[in-house]
Amino acid sequence: MAYVITARLFQCNPTLCATLVEQTCQVNASWAECKGAYVLSMTGSGTSGTLRFNLANGEYILVGLGVHNYKRWCDVKTAVDPSNSTGMTIHPKYYQEGTDENAMIWKQLAQYSVKSAKGTTCSVSYSVADGNNLVADIVIQ
């Protein structure tokens, strides 16, 4: 069963100006952009993608989105150091038992929010949380 997650970015603080700098996805998945949203297409459950943003204040934030055991999940990572942590290095950890990232896919959260050390809040909330055409709202403020 195929899944699509449409990720919409809402920037509530214009001084942060989030710029997408990296997209990752697992095999049998792909990212596209459509009408200002990021669209993750997956051929089935058990796959995911990440989006890494660079903020104008120098912060990097990574958002993980996917479907596990036929249910959506999300995660947010702040304080992502681009010299040693990127989507390519973090994404595989979602599928390594015993990692914090792996624990997040099992929680299958419909929403999650993290406040960074610099005071930036990034939240993900699925406004369409069930079915095969999911919508995840990413809010940075």
Protein backbone atom coordinates (compact mmCIF):
# COMPACT_ATOMS: atom_id res chain seq x y z
CA MET A 1 0.00 0.00 0.00
CA ALA A 2 1.51 3.32 -1.07
CA TYR A 3 1.68 6.39 1.16
CA VAL A 4 2.19 10.10 0.52
CA ILE A 5 3.17 12.63 3.18
CA THR A 6 2.77 16.26 2.19
CA ALA A 7 4.93 18.39 4.50
CA ARG A 8 3.94 22.05 4.72
CA LEU A 9 6.40 24.52 6.25
CA PHE A 10 5.09 27.42 8.32
CA GLN A 11 7.64 30.03 9.38
CA CYS A 12 6.10 32.12 12.15
CA ASN A 13 9.24 34.15 12.81
CA PRO A 14 10.47 35.82 9.61
CA THR A 15 13.88 36.53 11.13
CA LEU A 16 14.61 32.78 11.28
CA CYS A 17 14.13 32.26 7.51
CA ALA A 18 14.37 28.45 7.19
CA THR A 19 16.08 27.21 4.04
CA LEU A 20 15.88 23.56 2.99
CA VAL A 21 19.44 22.28 2.62
CA GLU A 22 18.97 18.50 2.50
CA GLN A 23 16.36 15.83 1.81
CA THR A 24 16.88 12.12 2.43
CA CYS A 25 14.65 9.12 1.90
CA GLN A 26 14.88 5.38 2.05
CA VAL A 27 14.76 3.03 -0.88
CA ASN A 28 11.31 2.94 -2.52
CA ALA A 29 10.65 6.57 -1.60
CA SER A 30 11.23 9.96 -3.19
CA TRP A 31 10.81 13.66 -2.45
CA ALA A 32 9.22 16.23 -4.74
CA GLU A 33 8.05 19.80 -4.33
CA CYS A 34 4.50 20.82 -5.18
CA LYS A 35 2.86 24.20 -4.58
CA GLY A 36 5.40 25.15 -1.92
CA ALA A 37 5.11 21.85 -0.01
CA TYR A 38 7.53 18.94 0.23
CA VAL A 39 5.94 15.67 -0.88
CA LEU A 40 7.32 12.31 0.24
CA SER A 41 6.02 9.39 -1.84
CA MET A 42 6.57 5.90 -0.44
CA THR A 43 5.69 2.52 -1.95
CA GLY A 44 4.69 1.08 1.43
CA SER A 45 4.88 1.08 5.20
CA GLY A 46 8.30 0.91 6.84
CA THR A 47 9.91 3.81 5.04
CA SER A 48 10.57 7.47 5.66
CA GLY A 49 12.33 10.68 4.76
CA THR A 50 14.03 13.61 6.43
CA LEU A 51 14.21 17.33 5.74
CA ARG A 52 17.10 19.40 7.10
CA PHE A 53 16.70 23.16 7.39
CA ASN A 54 19.29 25.89 7.95
CA LEU A 55 17.91 28.84 9.91
CA ALA A 56 19.13 32.42 9.58
CA ASN A 57 20.32 32.31 13.22
CA GLY A 58 22.80 29.55 12.30
CA GLU A 59 20.79 26.62 13.65
CA TYR A 60 20.14 23.43 11.72
CA ILE A 61 16.93 21.47 12.34
CA LEU A 62 16.09 18.01 11.02
CA VAL A 63 12.52 16.73 10.66
CA GLY A 64 11.87 13.00 10.21
CA LEU A 65 8.59 11.78 8.70
CA GLY A 66 7.45 8.29 7.83
CA VAL A 67 5.10 5.35 8.16
CA HIS A 68 5.87 2.39 10.43
CA ASN A 69 3.56 -0.60 10.87
CA TYR A 70 0.98 1.22 8.74
CA LYS A 71 0.90 4.26 11.01
CA ARG A 72 2.53 7.68 10.62
CA TRP A 73 5.36 8.97 12.81
CA CYS A 74 7.40 12.16 13.17
CA ASP A 75 10.51 13.45 14.89
CA VAL A 76 12.42 16.72 15.26
CA LYS A 77 16.15 17.10 15.91
CA THR A 78 17.62 20.46 16.91
CA ALA A 79 21.28 21.39 17.37
CA VAL A 80 22.20 19.42 14.25
CA ASP A 81 25.89 20.15 13.69
CA PRO A 82 26.49 20.11 9.91
CA SER A 83 30.14 19.16 10.40
CA ASN A 84 29.20 15.74 11.80
CA SER A 85 25.39 15.35 11.65
CA THR A 86 23.39 15.47 8.45
CA GLY A 87 20.27 13.78 7.19
CA MET A 88 22.50 11.13 5.63
CA THR A 89 24.06 10.30 9.00
CA ILE A 90 20.93 10.63 11.15
CA HIS A 91 18.32 8.98 8.88
CA PRO A 92 19.73 5.41 9.11
CA LYS A 93 19.55 5.61 12.92
CA TYR A 94 15.76 5.45 12.73
CA TYR A 95 16.22 1.80 11.74
CA GLN A 96 18.97 0.88 14.23
CA GLU A 97 17.60 -0.79 17.35
CA GLY A 98 18.51 0.89 20.61
CA THR A 99 18.83 4.43 19.23
CA ASP A 100 16.71 7.40 20.29
CA GLU A 101 15.71 7.77 16.66
CA ASN A 102 14.44 4.17 16.48
CA ALA A 103 12.34 4.74 19.60
CA MET A 104 10.57 7.60 17.80
CA ILE A 105 9.26 5.45 14.95
CA TRP A 106 7.74 3.03 17.47
CA LYS A 107 5.96 5.87 19.29
CA GLN A 108 4.12 6.68 16.05
CA LEU A 109 3.39 10.22 17.23
CA ALA A 110 0.97 12.43 15.33
CA GLN A 111 2.67 15.51 16.76
CA TYR A 112 5.99 16.40 18.34
CA SER A 113 7.65 19.64 19.39
CA VAL A 114 11.20 20.54 20.44
CA LYS A 115 12.67 23.81 21.72
CA SER A 116 16.32 24.37 20.83
CA ALA A 117 19.04 25.76 23.09
CA LYS A 118 18.69 29.05 21.17
CA GLY A 119 14.96 29.20 21.96
CA THR A 120 13.66 28.19 18.55
CA THR A 121 10.63 25.90 18.65
CA CYS A 122 10.07 23.41 15.85
CA SER A 123 6.93 21.33 15.86
CA VAL A 124 5.40 18.76 13.55
CA SER A 125 1.70 18.01 13.62
CA TYR A 126 -0.16 15.75 11.23
CA SER A 127 -3.28 17.67 10.20
CA VAL A 128 -4.23 14.54 8.25
CA ALA A 129 -2.96 11.72 10.46
CA ASP A 130 -4.75 8.66 9.07
CA GLY A 131 -5.00 7.01 5.69
CA ASN A 132 -2.60 6.96 2.77
CA ASN A 133 -2.46 10.67 1.95
CA LEU A 134 -1.05 12.28 5.08
CA VAL A 135 -0.36 15.96 5.72
CA ALA A 136 2.32 17.08 8.19
CA ASP A 137 2.56 20.71 9.24
CA ILE A 138 6.05 21.86 10.25
CA VAL A 139 6.03 25.05 12.30
CA ILE A 140 9.24 26.94 13.09
CA GLN A 141 9.03 29.87 15.50
